[in-house]
mmCIF file of all heavy atoms, coordinates in Angstrom:
data_MODEL
# 
_entry.id   MODEL 
# 
loop_
_atom_site.group_PDB 
_atom_site.id 
_atom_site.type_symbol 
_atom_site.label_atom_id 
_atom_site.label_alt_id 
_atom_site.label_comp_id 
_atom_site.label_asym_id 
_atom_site.label_entity_id 
_atom_site.label_seq_id 
_atom_site.pdbx_PDB_ins_code 
_atom_site.Cartn_x 
_atom_site.Cartn_y 
_atom_site.Cartn_z 
_atom_site.occupancy 
_atom_site.B_iso_or_equiv 
_atom_site.pdbx_formal_charge 
_atom_site.auth_seq_id 
_atom_site.auth_comp_id 
_atom_site.auth_asym_id 
_atom_site.auth_atom_id 
_atom_site.pdbx_PDB_model_num 
ATOM 1   N N   . GLY A 1 1  ? 10.631  -2.659  4.528   1.00 0.00 ? 1  GLY A N   1 
ATOM 2   C CA  . GLY A 1 1  ? 9.800   -3.205  3.464   1.00 0.00 ? 1  GLY A CA  1 
ATOM 3   C C   . GLY A 1 1  ? 9.311   -4.598  3.766   1.00 0.00 ? 1  GLY A C   1 
ATOM 4   O O   . GLY A 1 1  ? 8.155   -4.954  3.476   1.00 0.00 ? 1  GLY A O   1 
ATOM 5   N N   . LEU A 1 2  ? 10.173  -5.429  4.361   1.00 0.00 ? 2  LEU A N   1 
ATOM 6   C CA  . LEU A 1 2  ? 9.767   -6.782  4.733   1.00 0.00 ? 2  LEU A CA  1 
ATOM 7   C C   . LEU A 1 2  ? 8.607   -6.767  5.718   1.00 0.00 ? 2  LEU A C   1 
ATOM 8   O O   . LEU A 1 2  ? 7.793   -7.690  5.751   1.00 0.00 ? 2  LEU A O   1 
ATOM 9   C CB  . LEU A 1 2  ? 10.953  -7.536  5.336   1.00 0.00 ? 2  LEU A CB  1 
ATOM 10  C CG  . LEU A 1 2  ? 12.086  -7.912  4.384   1.00 0.00 ? 2  LEU A CG  1 
ATOM 11  C CD1 . LEU A 1 2  ? 13.264  -8.488  5.158   1.00 0.00 ? 2  LEU A CD1 1 
ATOM 12  C CD2 . LEU A 1 2  ? 11.615  -8.908  3.331   1.00 0.00 ? 2  LEU A CD2 1 
ATOM 13  N N   . GLY A 1 3  ? 8.529   -5.714  6.528   1.00 0.00 ? 3  GLY A N   1 
ATOM 14  C CA  . GLY A 1 3  ? 7.477   -5.639  7.541   1.00 0.00 ? 3  GLY A CA  1 
ATOM 15  C C   . GLY A 1 3  ? 6.113   -5.257  7.010   1.00 0.00 ? 3  GLY A C   1 
ATOM 16  O O   . GLY A 1 3  ? 5.111   -5.405  7.723   1.00 0.00 ? 3  GLY A O   1 
ATOM 17  N N   . VAL A 1 4  ? 6.037   -4.753  5.766   1.00 0.00 ? 4  VAL A N   1 
ATOM 18  C CA  . VAL A 1 4  ? 4.739   -4.310  5.236   1.00 0.00 ? 4  VAL A CA  1 
ATOM 19  C C   . VAL A 1 4  ? 4.317   -5.096  4.002   1.00 0.00 ? 4  VAL A C   1 
ATOM 20  O O   . VAL A 1 4  ? 3.472   -4.640  3.234   1.00 0.00 ? 4  VAL A O   1 
ATOM 21  C CB  . VAL A 1 4  ? 4.750   -2.795  4.908   1.00 0.00 ? 4  VAL A CB  1 
ATOM 22  C CG1 . VAL A 1 4  ? 4.883   -1.972  6.170   1.00 0.00 ? 4  VAL A CG1 1 
ATOM 23  C CG2 . VAL A 1 4  ? 5.847   -2.444  3.908   1.00 0.00 ? 4  VAL A CG2 1 
ATOM 24  N N   . ILE A 1 5  ? 4.871   -6.273  3.803   1.00 0.00 ? 5  ILE A N   1 
ATOM 25  C CA  . ILE A 1 5  ? 4.518   -7.086  2.635   1.00 0.00 ? 5  ILE A CA  1 
ATOM 26  C C   . ILE A 1 5  ? 3.019   -7.363  2.607   1.00 0.00 ? 5  ILE A C   1 
ATOM 27  O O   . ILE A 1 5  ? 2.324   -7.105  1.603   1.00 0.00 ? 5  ILE A O   1 
ATOM 28  C CB  . ILE A 1 5  ? 5.300   -8.418  2.632   1.00 0.00 ? 5  ILE A CB  1 
ATOM 29  C CG1 . ILE A 1 5  ? 6.808   -8.172  2.432   1.00 0.00 ? 5  ILE A CG1 1 
ATOM 30  C CG2 . ILE A 1 5  ? 4.749   -9.361  1.565   1.00 0.00 ? 5  ILE A CG2 1 
ATOM 31  C CD1 . ILE A 1 5  ? 7.194   -7.728  1.058   1.00 0.00 ? 5  ILE A CD1 1 
ATOM 32  N N   . GLU A 1 6  ? 2.495   -7.919  3.692   1.00 0.00 ? 6  GLU A N   1 
ATOM 33  C CA  . GLU A 1 6  ? 1.070   -8.286  3.724   1.00 0.00 ? 6  GLU A CA  1 
ATOM 34  C C   . GLU A 1 6  ? 0.179   -7.054  3.584   1.00 0.00 ? 6  GLU A C   1 
ATOM 35  O O   . GLU A 1 6  ? -0.830  -7.082  2.861   1.00 0.00 ? 6  GLU A O   1 
ATOM 36  C CB  . GLU A 1 6  ? 0.744   -9.033  5.021   1.00 0.00 ? 6  GLU A CB  1 
ATOM 37  C CG  . GLU A 1 6  ? 1.319   -10.448 5.093   1.00 0.00 ? 6  GLU A CG  1 
ATOM 38  C CD  . GLU A 1 6  ? 2.795   -10.487 5.494   1.00 0.00 ? 6  GLU A CD  1 
ATOM 39  O OE1 . GLU A 1 6  ? 3.343   -9.429  5.891   1.00 0.00 ? 6  GLU A OE1 1 
ATOM 40  O OE2 . GLU A 1 6  ? 3.405   -11.565 5.413   1.00 0.00 ? 6  GLU A OE2 1 
ATOM 41  N N   . LEU A 1 7  ? 0.542   -5.980  4.265   1.00 0.00 ? 7  LEU A N   1 
ATOM 42  C CA  . LEU A 1 7  ? -0.254  -4.749  4.179   1.00 0.00 ? 7  LEU A CA  1 
ATOM 43  C C   . LEU A 1 7  ? -0.266  -4.211  2.755   1.00 0.00 ? 7  LEU A C   1 
ATOM 44  O O   . LEU A 1 7  ? -1.319  -3.801  2.245   1.00 0.00 ? 7  LEU A O   1 
ATOM 45  C CB  . LEU A 1 7  ? 0.311   -3.698  5.137   1.00 0.00 ? 7  LEU A CB  1 
ATOM 46  C CG  . LEU A 1 7  ? -0.378  -2.334  5.100   1.00 0.00 ? 7  LEU A CG  1 
ATOM 47  C CD1 . LEU A 1 7  ? -1.837  -2.447  5.527   1.00 0.00 ? 7  LEU A CD1 1 
ATOM 48  C CD2 . LEU A 1 7  ? 0.365   -1.328  5.974   1.00 0.00 ? 7  LEU A CD2 1 
ATOM 49  N N   . THR A 1 8  ? 0.873   -4.212  2.088   1.00 0.00 ? 8  THR A N   1 
ATOM 50  C CA  . THR A 1 8  ? 0.961   -3.700  0.719   1.00 0.00 ? 8  THR A CA  1 
ATOM 51  C C   . THR A 1 8  ? 0.089   -4.510  -0.229  1.00 0.00 ? 8  THR A C   1 
ATOM 52  O O   . THR A 1 8  ? -0.643  -3.948  -1.055  1.00 0.00 ? 8  THR A O   1 
ATOM 53  C CB  . THR A 1 8  ? 2.420   -3.724  0.233   1.00 0.00 ? 8  THR A CB  1 
ATOM 54  O OG1 . THR A 1 8  ? 3.246   -3.006  1.163   1.00 0.00 ? 8  THR A OG1 1 
ATOM 55  C CG2 . THR A 1 8  ? 2.541   -3.095  -1.130  1.00 0.00 ? 8  THR A CG2 1 
ATOM 56  N N   . VAL A 1 9  ? 0.149   -5.829  -0.100  1.00 0.00 ? 9  VAL A N   1 
ATOM 57  C CA  . VAL A 1 9  ? -0.679  -6.694  -0.950  1.00 0.00 ? 9  VAL A CA  1 
ATOM 58  C C   . VAL A 1 9  ? -2.161  -6.438  -0.692  1.00 0.00 ? 9  VAL A C   1 
ATOM 59  O O   . VAL A 1 9  ? -2.959  -6.283  -1.631  1.00 0.00 ? 9  VAL A O   1 
ATOM 60  C CB  . VAL A 1 9  ? -0.335  -8.181  -0.703  1.00 0.00 ? 9  VAL A CB  1 
ATOM 61  C CG1 . VAL A 1 9  ? -1.346  -9.093  -1.394  1.00 0.00 ? 9  VAL A CG1 1 
ATOM 62  C CG2 . VAL A 1 9  ? 1.072   -8.489  -1.210  1.00 0.00 ? 9  VAL A CG2 1 
ATOM 63  N N   . ALA A 1 10 ? -2.547  -6.366  0.580   1.00 0.00 ? 10 ALA A N   1 
ATOM 64  C CA  . ALA A 1 10 ? -3.957  -6.165  0.921   1.00 0.00 ? 10 ALA A CA  1 
ATOM 65  C C   . ALA A 1 10 ? -4.474  -4.826  0.401   1.00 0.00 ? 10 ALA A C   1 
ATOM 66  O O   . ALA A 1 10 ? -5.588  -4.745  -0.147  1.00 0.00 ? 10 ALA A O   1 
ATOM 67  C CB  . ALA A 1 10 ? -4.133  -6.257  2.433   1.00 0.00 ? 10 ALA A CB  1 
ATOM 68  N N   . LEU A 1 11 ? -3.693  -3.768  0.556   1.00 0.00 ? 11 LEU A N   1 
ATOM 69  C CA  . LEU A 1 11 ? -4.146  -2.442  0.138   1.00 0.00 ? 11 LEU A CA  1 
ATOM 70  C C   . LEU A 1 11 ? -4.332  -2.371  -1.374  1.00 0.00 ? 11 LEU A C   1 
ATOM 71  O O   . LEU A 1 11 ? -5.359  -1.888  -1.868  1.00 0.00 ? 11 LEU A O   1 
ATOM 72  C CB  . LEU A 1 11 ? -3.156  -1.381  0.597   1.00 0.00 ? 11 LEU A CB  1 
ATOM 73  C CG  . LEU A 1 11 ? -3.159  -1.062  2.095   1.00 0.00 ? 11 LEU A CG  1 
ATOM 74  C CD1 . LEU A 1 11 ? -1.996  -0.141  2.456   1.00 0.00 ? 11 LEU A CD1 1 
ATOM 75  C CD2 . LEU A 1 11 ? -4.479  -0.423  2.515   1.00 0.00 ? 11 LEU A CD2 1 
ATOM 76  N N   . HIS A 1 12 ? -3.357  -2.859  -2.127  1.00 0.00 ? 12 HIS A N   1 
ATOM 77  C CA  . HIS A 1 12 ? -3.475  -2.773  -3.583  1.00 0.00 ? 12 HIS A CA  1 
ATOM 78  C C   . HIS A 1 12 ? -4.504  -3.751  -4.135  1.00 0.00 ? 12 HIS A C   1 
ATOM 79  O O   . HIS A 1 12 ? -5.031  -3.542  -5.236  1.00 0.00 ? 12 HIS A O   1 
ATOM 80  C CB  . HIS A 1 12 ? -2.110  -3.012  -4.237  1.00 0.00 ? 12 HIS A CB  1 
ATOM 81  C CG  . HIS A 1 12 ? -1.218  -1.813  -4.194  1.00 0.00 ? 12 HIS A CG  1 
ATOM 82  N ND1 . HIS A 1 12 ? -1.539  -0.611  -4.788  1.00 0.00 ? 12 HIS A ND1 1 
ATOM 83  C CD2 . HIS A 1 12 ? 0.005   -1.622  -3.614  1.00 0.00 ? 12 HIS A CD2 1 
ATOM 84  C CE1 . HIS A 1 12 ? -0.565  0.260   -4.597  1.00 0.00 ? 12 HIS A CE1 1 
ATOM 85  N NE2 . HIS A 1 12 ? 0.387   -0.324  -3.881  1.00 0.00 ? 12 HIS A NE2 1 
ATOM 86  N N   . TYR A 1 13 ? -4.797  -4.803  -3.389  1.00 0.00 ? 13 TYR A N   1 
ATOM 87  C CA  . TYR A 1 13 ? -5.821  -5.758  -3.826  1.00 0.00 ? 13 TYR A CA  1 
ATOM 88  C C   . TYR A 1 13 ? -7.227  -5.191  -3.634  1.00 0.00 ? 13 TYR A C   1 
ATOM 89  O O   . TYR A 1 13 ? -8.099  -5.343  -4.496  1.00 0.00 ? 13 TYR A O   1 
ATOM 90  C CB  . TYR A 1 13 ? -5.672  -7.065  -3.049  1.00 0.00 ? 13 TYR A CB  1 
ATOM 91  C CG  . TYR A 1 13 ? -6.600  -8.167  -3.510  1.00 0.00 ? 13 TYR A CG  1 
ATOM 92  C CD1 . TYR A 1 13 ? -6.360  -8.862  -4.696  1.00 0.00 ? 13 TYR A CD1 1 
ATOM 93  C CD2 . TYR A 1 13 ? -7.718  -8.532  -2.757  1.00 0.00 ? 13 TYR A CD2 1 
ATOM 94  C CE1 . TYR A 1 13 ? -7.209  -9.880  -5.122  1.00 0.00 ? 13 TYR A CE1 1 
ATOM 95  C CE2 . TYR A 1 13 ? -8.567  -9.549  -3.165  1.00 0.00 ? 13 TYR A CE2 1 
ATOM 96  C CZ  . TYR A 1 13 ? -8.315  -10.223 -4.352  1.00 0.00 ? 13 TYR A CZ  1 
ATOM 97  O OH  . TYR A 1 13 ? -9.153  -11.225 -4.765  1.00 0.00 ? 13 TYR A OH  1 
ATOM 98  N N   . LEU A 1 14 ? -7.439  -4.512  -2.514  1.00 0.00 ? 14 LEU A N   1 
ATOM 99  C CA  . LEU A 1 14 ? -8.783  -4.061  -2.156  1.00 0.00 ? 14 LEU A CA  1 
ATOM 100 C C   . LEU A 1 14 ? -9.126  -2.673  -2.676  1.00 0.00 ? 14 LEU A C   1 
ATOM 101 O O   . LEU A 1 14 ? -10.292 -2.383  -2.948  1.00 0.00 ? 14 LEU A O   1 
ATOM 102 C CB  . LEU A 1 14 ? -8.952  -4.078  -0.636  1.00 0.00 ? 14 LEU A CB  1 
ATOM 103 C CG  . LEU A 1 14 ? -8.975  -5.457  0.019   1.00 0.00 ? 14 LEU A CG  1 
ATOM 104 C CD1 . LEU A 1 14 ? -9.005  -5.321  1.528   1.00 0.00 ? 14 LEU A CD1 1 
ATOM 105 C CD2 . LEU A 1 14 ? -10.177 -6.266  -0.450  1.00 0.00 ? 14 LEU A CD2 1 
ATOM 106 N N   . TYR A 1 15 ? -8.130  -1.822  -2.795  1.00 0.00 ? 15 TYR A N   1 
ATOM 107 C CA  . TYR A 1 15 ? -8.383  -0.453  -3.233  1.00 0.00 ? 15 TYR A CA  1 
ATOM 108 C C   . TYR A 1 15 ? -8.027  -0.290  -4.708  1.00 0.00 ? 15 TYR A C   1 
ATOM 109 O O   . TYR A 1 15 ? -7.119  -0.956  -5.225  1.00 0.00 ? 15 TYR A O   1 
ATOM 110 C CB  . TYR A 1 15 ? -7.589  0.542   -2.384  1.00 0.00 ? 15 TYR A CB  1 
ATOM 111 C CG  . TYR A 1 15 ? -8.135  0.688   -0.983  1.00 0.00 ? 15 TYR A CG  1 
ATOM 112 C CD1 . TYR A 1 15 ? -7.687  -0.146  0.033   1.00 0.00 ? 15 TYR A CD1 1 
ATOM 113 C CD2 . TYR A 1 15 ? -9.103  1.641   -0.683  1.00 0.00 ? 15 TYR A CD2 1 
ATOM 114 C CE1 . TYR A 1 15 ? -8.192  -0.024  1.326   1.00 0.00 ? 15 TYR A CE1 1 
ATOM 115 C CE2 . TYR A 1 15 ? -9.607  1.774   0.595   1.00 0.00 ? 15 TYR A CE2 1 
ATOM 116 C CZ  . TYR A 1 15 ? -9.155  0.943   1.598   1.00 0.00 ? 15 TYR A CZ  1 
ATOM 117 O OH  . TYR A 1 15 ? -9.657  1.053   2.870   1.00 0.00 ? 15 TYR A OH  1 
ATOM 118 N N   . ASP A 1 16 ? -8.721  0.627   -5.353  1.00 0.00 ? 16 ASP A N   1 
ATOM 119 C CA  . ASP A 1 16 ? -8.533  0.860   -6.785  1.00 0.00 ? 16 ASP A CA  1 
ATOM 120 C C   . ASP A 1 16 ? -7.422  1.890   -6.994  1.00 0.00 ? 16 ASP A C   1 
ATOM 121 O O   . ASP A 1 16 ? -7.650  2.986   -7.510  1.00 0.00 ? 16 ASP A O   1 
ATOM 122 C CB  . ASP A 1 16 ? -9.846  1.344   -7.406  1.00 0.00 ? 16 ASP A CB  1 
ATOM 123 C CG  . ASP A 1 16 ? -9.758  1.486   -8.919  1.00 0.00 ? 16 ASP A CG  1 
ATOM 124 O OD1 . ASP A 1 16 ? -8.858  0.861   -9.522  1.00 0.00 ? 16 ASP A OD1 1 
ATOM 125 O OD2 . ASP A 1 16 ? -10.595 2.218   -9.495  1.00 0.00 ? 16 ASP A OD2 1 
ATOM 126 N N   . THR A 1 17 ? -6.204  1.533   -6.590  1.00 0.00 ? 17 THR A N   1 
ATOM 127 C CA  . THR A 1 17 ? -5.080  2.431   -6.795  1.00 0.00 ? 17 THR A CA  1 
ATOM 128 C C   . THR A 1 17 ? -4.705  2.451   -8.275  1.00 0.00 ? 17 THR A C   1 
ATOM 129 O O   . THR A 1 17 ? -4.827  1.436   -8.953  1.00 0.00 ? 17 THR A O   1 
ATOM 130 C CB  . THR A 1 17 ? -3.862  1.949   -5.969  1.00 0.00 ? 17 THR A CB  1 
ATOM 131 O OG1 . THR A 1 17 ? -3.591  0.578   -6.300  1.00 0.00 ? 17 THR A OG1 1 
ATOM 132 C CG2 . THR A 1 17 ? -4.120  2.067   -4.485  1.00 0.00 ? 17 THR A CG2 1 
ATOM 133 N N   . PRO A 1 18 ? -4.300  3.583   -8.845  1.00 0.00 ? 18 PRO A N   1 
ATOM 134 C CA  . PRO A 1 18 ? -4.055  4.881   -8.197  1.00 0.00 ? 18 PRO A CA  1 
ATOM 135 C C   . PRO A 1 18 ? -5.261  5.801   -8.150  1.00 0.00 ? 18 PRO A C   1 
ATOM 136 O O   . PRO A 1 18 ? -5.127  6.955   -7.741  1.00 0.00 ? 18 PRO A O   1 
ATOM 137 C CB  . PRO A 1 18 ? -2.974  5.482   -9.084  1.00 0.00 ? 18 PRO A CB  1 
ATOM 138 C CG  . PRO A 1 18 ? -3.341  5.007   -10.460 1.00 0.00 ? 18 PRO A CG  1 
ATOM 139 C CD  . PRO A 1 18 ? -3.867  3.603   -10.259 1.00 0.00 ? 18 PRO A CD  1 
ATOM 140 N N   . VAL A 1 19 ? -6.446  5.316   -8.585  1.00 0.00 ? 19 VAL A N   1 
ATOM 141 C CA  . VAL A 1 19 ? -7.646  6.147   -8.460  1.00 0.00 ? 19 VAL A CA  1 
ATOM 142 C C   . VAL A 1 19 ? -7.886  6.441   -6.981  1.00 0.00 ? 19 VAL A C   1 
ATOM 143 O O   . VAL A 1 19 ? -8.049  7.599   -6.572  1.00 0.00 ? 19 VAL A O   1 
ATOM 144 C CB  . VAL A 1 19 ? -8.860  5.443   -9.108  1.00 0.00 ? 19 VAL A CB  1 
ATOM 145 C CG1 . VAL A 1 19 ? -10.126 6.260   -8.901  1.00 0.00 ? 19 VAL A CG1 1 
ATOM 146 C CG2 . VAL A 1 19 ? -8.600  5.224   -10.590 1.00 0.00 ? 19 VAL A CG2 1 
ATOM 147 N N   . ASP A 1 20 ? -7.938  5.396   -6.161  1.00 0.00 ? 20 ASP A N   1 
ATOM 148 C CA  . ASP A 1 20 ? -7.875  5.590   -4.723  1.00 0.00 ? 20 ASP A CA  1 
ATOM 149 C C   . ASP A 1 20 ? -6.448  5.996   -4.378  1.00 0.00 ? 20 ASP A C   1 
ATOM 150 O O   . ASP A 1 20 ? -5.486  5.446   -4.929  1.00 0.00 ? 20 ASP A O   1 
ATOM 151 C CB  . ASP A 1 20 ? -8.256  4.302   -3.982  1.00 0.00 ? 20 ASP A CB  1 
ATOM 152 C CG  . ASP A 1 20 ? -9.720  3.941   -4.156  1.00 0.00 ? 20 ASP A CG  1 
ATOM 153 O OD1 . ASP A 1 20 ? -10.542 4.853   -4.350  1.00 0.00 ? 20 ASP A OD1 1 
ATOM 154 O OD2 . ASP A 1 20 ? -10.043 2.736   -4.115  1.00 0.00 ? 20 ASP A OD2 1 
ATOM 155 N N   . GLN A 1 21 ? -6.305  6.933   -3.467  1.00 0.00 ? 21 GLN A N   1 
ATOM 156 C CA  . GLN A 1 21 ? -4.988  7.532   -3.225  1.00 0.00 ? 21 GLN A CA  1 
ATOM 157 C C   . GLN A 1 21 ? -4.357  6.968   -1.953  1.00 0.00 ? 21 GLN A C   1 
ATOM 158 O O   . GLN A 1 21 ? -4.898  7.069   -0.864  1.00 0.00 ? 21 GLN A O   1 
ATOM 159 C CB  . GLN A 1 21 ? -5.133  9.051   -3.145  1.00 0.00 ? 21 GLN A CB  1 
ATOM 160 C CG  . GLN A 1 21 ? -5.569  9.636   -4.487  1.00 0.00 ? 21 GLN A CG  1 
ATOM 161 C CD  . GLN A 1 21 ? -5.812  11.118  -4.433  1.00 0.00 ? 21 GLN A CD  1 
ATOM 162 O OE1 . GLN A 1 21 ? -6.710  11.586  -3.749  1.00 0.00 ? 21 GLN A OE1 1 
ATOM 163 N NE2 . GLN A 1 21 ? -5.008  11.870  -5.169  1.00 0.00 ? 21 GLN A NE2 1 
ATOM 164 N N   . LEU A 1 22 ? -3.197  6.365   -2.144  1.00 0.00 ? 22 LEU A N   1 
ATOM 165 C CA  . LEU A 1 22 ? -2.445  5.726   -1.066  1.00 0.00 ? 22 LEU A CA  1 
ATOM 166 C C   . LEU A 1 22 ? -1.208  6.566   -0.775  1.00 0.00 ? 22 LEU A C   1 
ATOM 167 O O   . LEU A 1 22 ? -0.366  6.771   -1.652  1.00 0.00 ? 22 LEU A O   1 
ATOM 168 C CB  . LEU A 1 22 ? -2.054  4.314   -1.493  1.00 0.00 ? 22 LEU A CB  1 
ATOM 169 C CG  . LEU A 1 22 ? -1.211  3.466   -0.542  1.00 0.00 ? 22 LEU A CG  1 
ATOM 170 C CD1 . LEU A 1 22 ? -1.884  3.313   0.807   1.00 0.00 ? 22 LEU A CD1 1 
ATOM 171 C CD2 . LEU A 1 22 ? -0.950  2.090   -1.169  1.00 0.00 ? 22 LEU A CD2 1 
ATOM 172 N N   . VAL A 1 23 ? -1.110  7.070   0.455   1.00 0.00 ? 23 VAL A N   1 
ATOM 173 C CA  . VAL A 1 23 ? -0.019  7.954   0.844   1.00 0.00 ? 23 VAL A CA  1 
ATOM 174 C C   . VAL A 1 23 ? 0.864   7.227   1.860   1.00 0.00 ? 23 VAL A C   1 
ATOM 175 O O   . VAL A 1 23 ? 0.399   6.855   2.941   1.00 0.00 ? 23 VAL A O   1 
ATOM 176 C CB  . VAL A 1 23 ? -0.548  9.266   1.470   1.00 0.00 ? 23 VAL A CB  1 
ATOM 177 C CG1 . VAL A 1 23 ? 0.609   10.210  1.770   1.00 0.00 ? 23 VAL A CG1 1 
ATOM 178 C CG2 . VAL A 1 23 ? -1.559  9.934   0.546   1.00 0.00 ? 23 VAL A CG2 1 
ATOM 179 N N   . TRP A 1 24 ? 2.133   7.040   1.519   1.00 0.00 ? 24 TRP A N   1 
ATOM 180 C CA  . TRP A 1 24 ? 3.073   6.345   2.400   1.00 0.00 ? 24 TRP A CA  1 
ATOM 181 C C   . TRP A 1 24 ? 3.900   7.348   3.192   1.00 0.00 ? 24 TRP A C   1 
ATOM 182 O O   . TRP A 1 24 ? 4.314   8.380   2.676   1.00 0.00 ? 24 TRP A O   1 
ATOM 183 C CB  . TRP A 1 24 ? 4.024   5.471   1.590   1.00 0.00 ? 24 TRP A CB  1 
ATOM 184 C CG  . TRP A 1 24 ? 3.383   4.276   0.964   1.00 0.00 ? 24 TRP A CG  1 
ATOM 185 C CD1 . TRP A 1 24 ? 2.830   4.204   -0.282  1.00 0.00 ? 24 TRP A CD1 1 
ATOM 186 C CD2 . TRP A 1 24 ? 3.215   2.986   1.550   1.00 0.00 ? 24 TRP A CD2 1 
ATOM 187 N NE1 . TRP A 1 24 ? 2.339   2.939   -0.506  1.00 0.00 ? 24 TRP A NE1 1 
ATOM 188 C CE2 . TRP A 1 24 ? 2.564   2.171   0.603   1.00 0.00 ? 24 TRP A CE2 1 
ATOM 189 C CE3 . TRP A 1 24 ? 3.570   2.431   2.781   1.00 0.00 ? 24 TRP A CE3 1 
ATOM 190 C CZ2 . TRP A 1 24 ? 2.245   0.838   0.840   1.00 0.00 ? 24 TRP A CZ2 1 
ATOM 191 C CZ3 . TRP A 1 24 ? 3.258   1.109   3.027   1.00 0.00 ? 24 TRP A CZ3 1 
ATOM 192 C CH2 . TRP A 1 24 ? 2.602   0.327   2.068   1.00 0.00 ? 24 TRP A CH2 1 
ATOM 193 N N   . ASP A 1 25 ? 4.133   7.027   4.455   1.00 0.00 ? 25 ASP A N   1 
ATOM 194 C CA  . ASP A 1 25 ? 5.022   7.814   5.296   1.00 0.00 ? 25 ASP A CA  1 
ATOM 195 C C   . ASP A 1 25 ? 6.332   7.067   5.479   1.00 0.00 ? 25 ASP A C   1 
ATOM 196 O O   . ASP A 1 25 ? 6.378   5.842   5.334   1.00 0.00 ? 25 ASP A O   1 
ATOM 197 C CB  . ASP A 1 25 ? 4.383   8.047   6.674   1.00 0.00 ? 25 ASP A CB  1 
ATOM 198 C CG  . ASP A 1 25 ? 4.702   9.430   7.221   1.00 0.00 ? 25 ASP A CG  1 
ATOM 199 O OD1 . ASP A 1 25 ? 5.865   9.854   7.109   1.00 0.00 ? 25 ASP A OD1 1 
ATOM 200 O OD2 . ASP A 1 25 ? 3.784   10.072  7.757   1.00 0.00 ? 25 ASP A OD2 1 
ATOM 201 N N   . VAL A 1 26 ? 7.389   7.755   5.816   1.00 0.00 ? 26 VAL A N   1 
ATOM 202 C CA  . VAL A 1 26 ? 8.727   7.186   5.912   1.00 0.00 ? 26 VAL A CA  1 
ATOM 203 C C   . VAL A 1 26 ? 8.931   6.276   4.699   1.00 0.00 ? 26 VAL A C   1 
ATOM 204 O O   . VAL A 1 26 ? 8.773   5.075   4.778   1.00 0.00 ? 26 VAL A O   1 
ATOM 205 C CB  . VAL A 1 26 ? 8.950   6.382   7.201   1.00 0.00 ? 26 VAL A CB  1 
ATOM 206 C CG1 . VAL A 1 26 ? 10.344  6.632   7.712   1.00 0.00 ? 26 VAL A CG1 1 
ATOM 207 C CG2 . VAL A 1 26 ? 7.975   6.690   8.277   1.00 0.00 ? 26 VAL A CG2 1 
ATOM 208 N N   . GLY A 1 27 ? 9.317   6.886   3.586   1.00 0.00 ? 27 GLY A N   1 
ATOM 209 C CA  . GLY A 1 27 ? 9.248   6.210   2.302   1.00 0.00 ? 27 GLY A CA  1 
ATOM 210 C C   . GLY A 1 27 ? 10.067  4.965   2.144   1.00 0.00 ? 27 GLY A C   1 
ATOM 211 O O   . GLY A 1 27 ? 9.924   4.244   1.155   1.00 0.00 ? 27 GLY A O   1 
ATOM 212 N N   . HIS A 1 28 ? 10.957  4.653   3.125   1.00 0.00 ? 28 HIS A N   1 
ATOM 213 C CA  . HIS A 1 28 ? 11.737  3.430   2.956   1.00 0.00 ? 28 HIS A CA  1 
ATOM 214 C C   . HIS A 1 28 ? 10.885  2.175   3.133   1.00 0.00 ? 28 HIS A C   1 
ATOM 215 O O   . HIS A 1 28 ? 11.379  1.073   2.957   1.00 0.00 ? 28 HIS A O   1 
ATOM 216 C CB  . HIS A 1 28 ? 12.941  3.408   3.919   1.00 0.00 ? 28 HIS A CB  1 
ATOM 217 C CG  . HIS A 1 28 ? 12.612  3.617   5.350   1.00 0.00 ? 28 HIS A CG  1 
ATOM 218 N ND1 . HIS A 1 28 ? 13.082  4.696   6.078   1.00 0.00 ? 28 HIS A ND1 1 
ATOM 219 C CD2 . HIS A 1 28 ? 11.884  2.886   6.209   1.00 0.00 ? 28 HIS A CD2 1 
ATOM 220 C CE1 . HIS A 1 28 ? 12.649  4.605   7.326   1.00 0.00 ? 28 HIS A CE1 1 
ATOM 221 N NE2 . HIS A 1 28 ? 11.918  3.522   7.424   1.00 0.00 ? 28 HIS A NE2 1 
# 
């Protein structure tokens, strides 16, 4: 989780989730 902090912030900031669909792999 510590490794994807910036990616998580960027994705939820730019995309209209949950209307836009974000699929995570290796759920940890």
